Amino acid sequence: MVEDDSPSQTILAYADEQDCDLIVMGTHGRTGLDRVFLGSMTERVVRRAPIPVLTVGMTTEEAKATEETEETERIER
């Protein structure tokens, strides 16, 4: 579905085309430098959406598991 536009613009365009009343997006809960360098697609959608956006965060256990997986993937590269 992602074409030439950024993912956030594609999400907003799709929501508009489908006449959505709500956008639901997950968050990784990144903070600090990770958030600054990686940006936040969810944040861009929240700021630009003309309709409500519900964000769903990870539990502490999920966030820790994701962080460990990402660290392992960096080491393997």
N, C-alpha and C. Protein backbone atom coordinates (compact mmCIF):
# COMPACT_ATOMS: atom_id res chain seq x y z
N MET A 1 0.82 -1.19 0.00
CA MET A 1 0.00 0.00 0.00
C MET A 1 0.86 1.26 0.00
N VAL A 2 2.08 1.20 0.59
CA VAL A 2 2.94 2.38 0.62
C VAL A 2 3.48 2.62 -0.77
N GLU A 3 3.21 3.79 -1.29
CA GLU A 3 3.65 4.10 -2.64
C GLU A 3 4.78 5.10 -2.57
N ASP A 4 4.69 6.21 -3.28
CA ASP A 4 5.76 7.20 -3.29
C ASP A 4 5.75 8.10 -2.06
N ASP A 5 4.62 8.21 -1.39
CA ASP A 5 4.51 9.08 -0.23
C ASP A 5 5.13 8.43 1.00
N SER A 6 5.29 9.22 2.04
CA SER A 6 5.78 8.66 3.30
C SER A 6 4.71 7.74 3.88
N PRO A 7 5.10 6.82 4.75
CA PRO A 7 4.10 5.93 5.35
C PRO A 7 2.99 6.68 6.07
N SER A 8 3.34 7.77 6.77
CA SER A 8 2.29 8.51 7.48
C SER A 8 1.29 9.14 6.51
N GLN A 9 1.78 9.67 5.40
CA GLN A 9 0.87 10.25 4.40
C GLN A 9 0.01 9.16 3.77
N THR A 10 0.58 7.99 3.56
CA THR A 10 -0.18 6.88 2.99
C THR A 10 -1.30 6.45 3.93
N ILE A 11 -1.00 6.38 5.22
CA ILE A 11 -2.01 6.01 6.21
C ILE A 11 -3.14 7.04 6.22
N LEU A 12 -2.78 8.32 6.22
CA LEU A 12 -3.80 9.38 6.22
C LEU A 12 -4.63 9.36 4.95
N ALA A 13 -4.01 9.13 3.81
CA ALA A 13 -4.74 9.08 2.54
C ALA A 13 -5.70 7.89 2.53
N TYR A 14 -5.24 6.74 3.02
CA TYR A 14 -6.09 5.55 3.06
C TYR A 14 -7.29 5.78 3.99
N ALA A 15 -7.05 6.37 5.15
CA ALA A 15 -8.14 6.65 6.09
C ALA A 15 -9.17 7.58 5.46
N ASP A 16 -8.69 8.56 4.70
CA ASP A 16 -9.59 9.49 4.01
C ASP A 16 -10.38 8.78 2.92
N GLU A 17 -9.70 7.97 2.11
CA GLU A 17 -10.38 7.24 1.02
C GLU A 17 -11.45 6.29 1.56
N GLN A 18 -11.18 5.68 2.70
CA GLN A 18 -12.12 4.71 3.28
C GLN A 18 -13.16 5.37 4.20
N ASP A 19 -13.09 6.70 4.31
CA ASP A 19 -14.01 7.46 5.16
C ASP A 19 -14.00 6.93 6.61
N CYS A 20 -12.79 6.71 7.12
CA CYS A 20 -12.63 6.19 8.49
C CYS A 20 -13.02 7.23 9.53
N ASP A 21 -13.50 6.74 10.66
CA ASP A 21 -13.84 7.60 11.79
C ASP A 21 -12.74 7.60 12.84
N LEU A 22 -11.80 6.65 12.75
CA LEU A 22 -10.76 6.49 13.75
C LEU A 22 -9.58 5.75 13.14
N ILE A 23 -8.37 6.17 13.52
CA ILE A 23 -7.15 5.46 13.13
C ILE A 23 -6.56 4.88 14.41
N VAL A 24 -6.20 3.60 14.38
CA VAL A 24 -5.58 2.94 15.54
C VAL A 24 -4.15 2.58 15.15
N MET A 25 -3.19 3.01 15.98
CA MET A 25 -1.78 2.75 15.68
C MET A 25 -1.06 2.28 16.93
N GLY A 26 -0.10 1.40 16.73
CA GLY A 26 0.75 0.94 17.82
C GLY A 26 1.94 1.86 18.00
N THR A 27 2.50 1.84 19.21
CA THR A 27 3.70 2.62 19.48
C THR A 27 4.76 1.69 20.07
N HIS A 28 6.02 2.05 19.84
CA HIS A 28 7.12 1.28 20.42
C HIS A 28 7.54 1.86 21.75
N GLY A 29 7.09 3.05 22.04
CA GLY A 29 7.44 3.67 23.31
C GLY A 29 8.88 4.14 23.38
N ARG A 30 9.47 4.41 22.24
CA ARG A 30 10.85 4.90 22.25
C ARG A 30 10.90 6.29 22.88
N THR A 31 11.99 6.54 23.57
CA THR A 31 12.17 7.85 24.18
C THR A 31 13.59 8.31 23.94
N GLY A 32 13.86 9.51 24.33
CA GLY A 32 15.22 10.04 24.26
C GLY A 32 15.77 10.08 22.85
N LEU A 33 17.05 9.73 22.72
CA LEU A 33 17.73 9.83 21.42
C LEU A 33 17.14 8.91 20.37
N ASP A 34 16.69 7.70 20.77
CA ASP A 34 16.08 6.80 19.79
C ASP A 34 14.91 7.49 19.09
N ARG A 35 14.10 8.20 19.85
CA ARG A 35 12.93 8.88 19.27
C ARG A 35 13.36 10.03 18.38
N VAL A 36 14.39 10.77 18.81
CA VAL A 36 14.87 11.91 18.02
C VAL A 36 15.41 11.43 16.69
N PHE A 37 16.24 10.39 16.71
CA PHE A 37 16.89 9.93 15.48
C PHE A 37 15.95 9.12 14.59
N LEU A 38 15.08 8.34 15.18
CA LEU A 38 14.20 7.49 14.38
C LEU A 38 12.92 8.18 13.98
N GLY A 39 12.55 9.24 14.69
CA GLY A 39 11.29 9.91 14.40
C GLY A 39 10.13 9.05 14.87
N SER A 40 8.95 9.50 14.65
CA SER A 40 7.79 8.75 15.09
C SER A 40 6.69 8.87 14.04
N MET A 41 6.50 7.78 13.30
CA MET A 41 5.44 7.79 12.30
C MET A 41 4.08 7.99 12.99
N THR A 42 3.89 7.34 14.13
CA THR A 42 2.63 7.50 14.85
C THR A 42 2.42 8.95 15.24
N GLU A 43 3.47 9.60 15.72
CA GLU A 43 3.33 11.01 16.10
C GLU A 43 2.96 11.87 14.90
N ARG A 44 3.56 11.61 13.74
CA ARG A 44 3.23 12.39 12.54
C ARG A 44 1.76 12.20 12.16
N VAL A 45 1.27 10.97 12.27
CA VAL A 45 -0.14 10.72 11.95
C VAL A 45 -1.04 11.44 12.96
N VAL A 46 -0.70 11.34 14.25
CA VAL A 46 -1.51 12.00 15.29
C VAL A 46 -1.59 13.50 15.03
N ARG A 47 -0.48 14.11 14.69
CA ARG A 47 -0.44 15.56 14.49
C ARG A 47 -1.18 16.01 13.23
N ARG A 48 -1.24 15.16 12.22
CA ARG A 48 -1.81 15.58 10.92
C ARG A 48 -3.22 15.05 10.65
N ALA A 49 -3.66 14.09 11.42
CA ALA A 49 -4.96 13.46 11.14
C ALA A 49 -6.12 14.38 11.46
N PRO A 50 -7.10 14.45 10.56
CA PRO A 50 -8.30 15.24 10.82
C PRO A 50 -9.34 14.47 11.64
N ILE A 51 -9.02 13.20 11.96
CA ILE A 51 -9.91 12.36 12.75
C ILE A 51 -9.13 11.86 13.97
N PRO A 52 -9.83 11.33 14.97
CA PRO A 52 -9.13 10.83 16.16
C PRO A 52 -8.17 9.68 15.83
N VAL A 53 -7.06 9.63 16.58
CA VAL A 53 -6.08 8.55 16.46
C VAL A 53 -5.91 7.93 17.84
N LEU A 54 -6.15 6.63 17.93
CA LEU A 54 -5.96 5.89 19.17
C LEU A 54 -4.60 5.22 19.10
N THR A 55 -3.73 5.51 20.07
CA THR A 55 -2.42 4.86 20.10
C THR A 55 -2.42 3.78 21.17
N VAL A 56 -1.82 2.65 20.82
CA VAL A 56 -1.77 1.50 21.72
C VAL A 56 -0.30 1.18 21.97
N GLY A 57 0.11 1.29 23.22
CA GLY A 57 1.50 1.02 23.57
C GLY A 57 1.72 -0.42 23.99
N MET A 58 2.99 -0.80 24.05
CA MET A 58 3.36 -2.14 24.48
C MET A 58 3.39 -2.21 26.00
N THR A 59 3.22 -3.41 26.52
CA THR A 59 3.43 -3.62 27.94
C THR A 59 4.94 -3.57 28.20
N THR A 60 5.33 -3.47 29.44
CA THR A 60 6.75 -3.45 29.79
C THR A 60 7.45 -4.70 29.29
N GLU A 61 6.81 -5.85 29.43
CA GLU A 61 7.41 -7.11 28.99
C GLU A 61 7.60 -7.13 27.47
N GLU A 62 6.61 -6.65 26.73
CA GLU A 62 6.72 -6.60 25.27
C GLU A 62 7.82 -5.65 24.84
N ALA A 63 7.90 -4.50 25.48
CA ALA A 63 8.93 -3.53 25.13
C ALA A 63 10.32 -4.10 25.38
N LYS A 64 10.50 -4.78 26.50
CA LYS A 64 11.80 -5.38 26.82
C LYS A 64 12.16 -6.46 25.80
N ALA A 65 11.20 -7.31 25.45
CA ALA A 65 11.45 -8.37 24.46
C ALA A 65 11.81 -7.77 23.11
N THR A 66 11.12 -6.71 22.70
CA THR A 66 11.41 -6.05 21.43
C THR A 66 12.79 -5.45 21.45
N GLU A 67 13.14 -4.80 22.55
CA GLU A 67 14.47 -4.19 22.68
C GLU A 67 15.56 -5.25 22.59
N GLU A 68 15.37 -6.39 23.24
CA GLU A 68 16.36 -7.47 23.19
C GLU A 68 16.48 -8.04 21.78
N THR A 69 15.37 -8.19 21.09
CA THR A 69 15.39 -8.69 19.71
C THR A 69 16.11 -7.73 18.79
N GLU A 70 15.83 -6.43 18.93
CA GLU A 70 16.50 -5.43 18.09
C GLU A 70 18.00 -5.41 18.35
N GLU A 71 18.40 -5.56 19.61
CA GLU A 71 19.83 -5.58 19.96
C GLU A 71 20.49 -6.81 19.35
N THR A 72 19.84 -7.97 19.41
CA THR A 72 20.38 -9.19 18.81
C THR A 72 20.54 -9.03 17.30
N GLU A 73 19.56 -8.42 16.65
CA GLU A 73 19.63 -8.21 15.20
C GLU A 73 20.78 -7.28 14.84
N ARG A 74 21.04 -6.26 15.65
CA ARG A 74 22.16 -5.35 15.39
C ARG A 74 23.49 -6.09 15.52
N ILE A 75 23.60 -6.95 16.52
CA ILE A 75 24.83 -7.70 16.74
C ILE A 75 25.08 -8.67 15.59
N GLU A 76 24.03 -9.30 15.08
CA GLU A 76 24.16 -10.29 14.01
C GLU A 76 24.55 -9.66 12.68
N ARG A 77 24.29 -8.40 12.50
CA ARG A 77 24.63 -7.75 11.23
C ARG A 77 26.06 -7.49 11.18
